Amino acid sequence: MEQELELVAECWHTAFATTATPSERQMLVWLDRYPLVIVEKALLKTGVKAMTMQRRSEPMSYVDRLRYASAVMRNLQVAAEEYAAEVAEYEAAEREQESGAENSRGFSFA
């Protein structure tokens, strides 16, 4: 877990070019709820959003960054779960279709 905390802190530094990082407790909450890849991707997306807001002279506060990152993590997790369900449905339908095609050719599984 220590290595994952270091990776999240490093990703935060990369995304926001700052030495201040979220608390260890916050990073542990993220890592408890989401896979590391989702946490990292969300922090990088949040960094892009923060740069966009900075260019508009509307900088994101530290709390805004934390909240936005958490929301992105939730959205990425939901999207990953929905995609996994769609793949499972597709594979099940494909297996069913293959099974039906074999049965129609006179093959017996008994």
C-alpha atoms as a PDB file:
ATOM      1  CA  MET A   1       0.000   0.000   0.000  1.00  0.00           C
ATOM      2  CA  GLU A   2       2.918   2.349   0.697  1.00  0.00           C
ATOM      3  CA  GLN A   3       4.041   2.102  -2.920  1.00  0.00           C
ATOM      4  CA  GLU A   4       0.542   2.924  -4.154  1.00  0.00           C
ATOM      5  CA  LEU A   5       0.443   5.992  -1.882  1.00  0.00           C
ATOM      6  CA  GLU A   6       3.739   7.148  -3.357  1.00  0.00           C
ATOM      7  CA  LEU A   7       2.401   6.655  -6.885  1.00  0.00           C
ATOM      8  CA  VAL A   8      -0.735   8.674  -6.117  1.00  0.00           C
ATOM      9  CA  ALA A   9       1.358  11.467  -4.568  1.00  0.00           C
ATOM     10  CA  GLU A  10       3.660  11.440  -7.606  1.00  0.00           C
ATOM     11  CA  CYS A  11       0.656  11.605  -9.942  1.00  0.00           C
ATOM     12  CA  TRP A  12      -0.741  14.559  -7.942  1.00  0.00           C
ATOM     13  CA  HIS A  13       2.613  16.351  -8.298  1.00  0.00           C
ATOM     14  CA  THR A  14       2.613  15.684 -12.028  1.00  0.00           C
ATOM     15  CA  ALA A  15      -0.967  16.825 -12.510  1.00  0.00           C
ATOM     16  CA  PHE A  16      -0.747  20.015 -10.472  1.00  0.00           C
ATOM     17  CA  ALA A  17       2.966  20.898 -10.342  1.00  0.00           C
ATOM     18  CA  THR A  18       2.740  21.442  -6.611  1.00  0.00           C
ATOM     19  CA  THR A  19       4.416  19.969  -3.575  1.00  0.00           C
ATOM     20  CA  ALA A  20       1.207  19.902  -1.533  1.00  0.00           C
ATOM     21  CA  THR A  21      -0.578  16.568  -1.774  1.00  0.00           C
ATOM     22  CA  PRO A  22      -3.855  15.250  -0.431  1.00  0.00           C
ATOM     23  CA  SER A  23      -3.706  13.784   3.046  1.00  0.00           C
ATOM     24  CA  GLU A  24      -2.701  10.171   3.386  1.00  0.00           C
ATOM     25  CA  ARG A  25      -6.226   9.492   4.664  1.00  0.00           C
ATOM     26  CA  GLN A  26      -7.742  10.937   1.471  1.00  0.00           C
ATOM     27  CA  MET A  27      -5.447   8.905  -0.742  1.00  0.00           C
ATOM     28  CA  LEU A  28      -6.289   5.758   1.248  1.00  0.00           C
ATOM     29  CA  VAL A  29     -10.013   6.427   0.769  1.00  0.00           C
ATOM     30  CA  TRP A  30      -9.483   6.698  -2.989  1.00  0.00           C
ATOM     31  CA  LEU A  31      -7.367   3.545  -3.118  1.00  0.00           C
ATOM     32  CA  ASP A  32      -9.885   1.660  -0.995  1.00  0.00           C
ATOM     33  CA  ARG A  33     -12.736   2.545  -3.365  1.00  0.00           C
ATOM     34  CA  TYR A  34     -11.028   2.485  -6.760  1.00  0.00           C
ATOM     35  CA  PRO A  35      -8.235   0.656  -8.584  1.00  0.00           C
ATOM     36  CA  LEU A  36      -4.950   2.563  -8.803  1.00  0.00           C
ATOM     37  CA  VAL A  37      -5.326   3.058 -12.561  1.00  0.00           C
ATOM     38  CA  ILE A  38      -8.636   4.889 -12.060  1.00  0.00           C
ATOM     39  CA  VAL A  39      -7.174   7.094  -9.320  1.00  0.00           C
ATOM     40  CA  GLU A  40      -4.228   8.041 -11.522  1.00  0.00           C
ATOM     41  CA  LYS A  41      -6.365   8.697 -14.603  1.00  0.00           C
ATOM     42  CA  ALA A  42      -8.774  10.838 -12.573  1.00  0.00           C
ATOM     43  CA  LEU A  43      -5.941  12.931 -11.130  1.00  0.00           C
ATOM     44  CA  LEU A  44      -4.515  13.541 -14.587  1.00  0.00           C
ATOM     45  CA  LYS A  45      -7.957  14.511 -15.934  1.00  0.00           C
ATOM     46  CA  THR A  46      -8.358  16.843 -12.970  1.00  0.00           C
ATOM     47  CA  GLY A  47      -4.971  18.378 -13.758  1.00  0.00           C
ATOM     48  CA  VAL A  48      -6.139  19.126 -17.298  1.00  0.00           C
ATOM     49  CA  LYS A  49      -9.326  20.698 -15.918  1.00  0.00           C
ATOM     50  CA  ALA A  50      -7.292  22.791 -13.462  1.00  0.00           C
ATOM     51  CA  MET A  51      -5.047  24.081 -16.258  1.00  0.00           C
ATOM     52  CA  THR A  52      -8.095  24.972 -18.352  1.00  0.00           C
ATOM     53  CA  MET A  53      -9.634  26.845 -15.440  1.00  0.00           C
ATOM     54  CA  GLN A  54      -6.329  28.625 -14.742  1.00  0.00           C
ATOM     55  CA  ARG A  55      -6.185  29.853 -18.352  1.00  0.00           C
ATOM     56  CA  ARG A  56      -9.670  31.276 -17.893  1.00  0.00           C
ATOM     57  CA  SER A  57      -8.485  33.080 -14.757  1.00  0.00           C
ATOM     58  CA  GLU A  58     -10.794  30.889 -12.671  1.00  0.00           C
ATOM     59  CA  PRO A  59      -8.330  28.702 -10.752  1.00  0.00           C
ATOM     60  CA  MET A  60      -9.580  25.622  -8.939  1.00  0.00           C
ATOM     61  CA  SER A  61      -9.043  25.607  -5.201  1.00  0.00           C
ATOM     62  CA  TYR A  62      -7.438  22.661  -3.445  1.00  0.00           C
ATOM     63  CA  VAL A  63     -10.885  21.510  -2.269  1.00  0.00           C
ATOM     64  CA  ASP A  64     -12.289  21.915  -5.797  1.00  0.00           C
ATOM     65  CA  ARG A  65      -9.504  19.668  -7.095  1.00  0.00           C
ATOM     66  CA  LEU A  66     -10.227  16.998  -4.489  1.00  0.00           C
ATOM     67  CA  ARG A  67     -13.953  17.045  -5.215  1.00  0.00           C
ATOM     68  CA  TYR A  68     -13.523  17.068  -8.975  1.00  0.00           C
ATOM     69  CA  ALA A  69     -11.011  14.194  -8.825  1.00  0.00           C
ATOM     70  CA  SER A  70     -13.378  12.159  -6.647  1.00  0.00           C
ATOM     71  CA  ALA A  71     -16.251  12.752  -9.069  1.00  0.00           C
ATOM     72  CA  VAL A  72     -14.100  11.708 -12.031  1.00  0.00           C
ATOM     73  CA  MET A  73     -13.120   8.531 -10.173  1.00  0.00           C
ATOM     74  CA  ARG A  74     -16.774   7.675  -9.568  1.00  0.00           C
ATOM     75  CA  ASN A  75     -17.626   8.301 -13.233  1.00  0.00           C
ATOM     76  CA  LEU A  76     -14.694   6.225 -14.491  1.00  0.00           C
ATOM     77  CA  GLN A  77     -15.645   3.354 -12.168  1.00  0.00           C
ATOM     78  CA  VAL A  78     -19.273   3.408 -13.346  1.00  0.00           C
ATOM     79  CA  ALA A  79     -18.150   3.469 -16.982  1.00  0.00           C
ATOM     80  CA  ALA A  80     -15.778   0.531 -16.398  1.00  0.00           C
ATOM     81  CA  GLU A  81     -18.539  -1.489 -14.713  1.00  0.00           C
ATOM     82  CA  GLU A  82     -21.011  -0.729 -17.509  1.00  0.00           C
ATOM     83  CA  TYR A  83     -18.458  -1.699 -20.141  1.00  0.00           C
ATOM     84  CA  ALA A  84     -17.691  -4.977 -18.342  1.00  0.00           C
ATOM     85  CA  ALA A  85     -21.416  -5.790 -18.212  1.00  0.00           C
ATOM     86  CA  GLU A  86     -21.814  -5.058 -21.935  1.00  0.00           C
ATOM     87  CA  VAL A  87     -18.850  -7.286 -22.802  1.00  0.00           C
ATOM     88  CA  ALA A  88     -20.260 -10.098 -20.662  1.00  0.00           C
ATOM     89  CA  GLU A  89     -23.661  -9.797 -22.389  1.00  0.00           C
ATOM     90  CA  TYR A  90     -22.035  -9.798 -25.814  1.00  0.00           C
ATOM     91  CA  GLU A  91     -19.914 -12.847 -25.005  1.00  0.00           C
ATOM     92  CA  ALA A  92     -22.925 -14.718 -23.599  1.00  0.00           C
ATOM     93  CA  ALA A  93     -24.966 -13.948 -26.720  1.00  0.00           C
ATOM     94  CA  GLU A  94     -22.075 -15.035 -28.915  1.00  0.00           C
ATOM     95  CA  ARG A  95     -21.735 -18.350 -27.036  1.00  0.00           C
ATOM     96  CA  GLU A  96     -25.488 -18.903 -27.286  1.00  0.00           C
ATOM     97  CA  GLN A  97     -25.418 -18.216 -31.021  1.00  0.00           C
ATOM     98  CA  GLU A  98     -22.483 -20.603 -31.536  1.00  0.00           C
ATOM     99  CA  SER A  99     -24.257 -23.271 -29.512  1.00  0.00           C
ATOM    100  CA  GLY A 100     -27.413 -22.836 -31.584  1.00  0.00           C
ATOM    101  CA  ALA A 101     -25.461 -23.054 -34.832  1.00  0.00           C
ATOM    102  CA  GLU A 102     -23.767 -26.299 -33.736  1.00  0.00           C
ATOM    103  CA  ASN A 103     -27.103 -27.809 -32.729  1.00  0.00           C
ATOM    104  CA  SER A 104     -28.666 -26.920 -36.067  1.00  0.00           C
ATOM    105  CA  ARG A 105     -25.902 -28.846 -37.891  1.00  0.00           C
ATOM    106  CA  GLY A 106     -26.958 -32.057 -36.220  1.00  0.00           C
ATOM    107  CA  PHE A 107     -24.386 -32.135 -33.465  1.00  0.00           C
ATOM    108  CA  SER A 108     -25.448 -33.707 -30.237  1.00  0.00           C
ATOM    109  CA  PHE A 109     -24.070 -32.811 -26.830  1.00  0.00           C
ATOM    110  CA  ALA A 110     -25.785 -35.669 -24.976  1.00  0.00           C
END
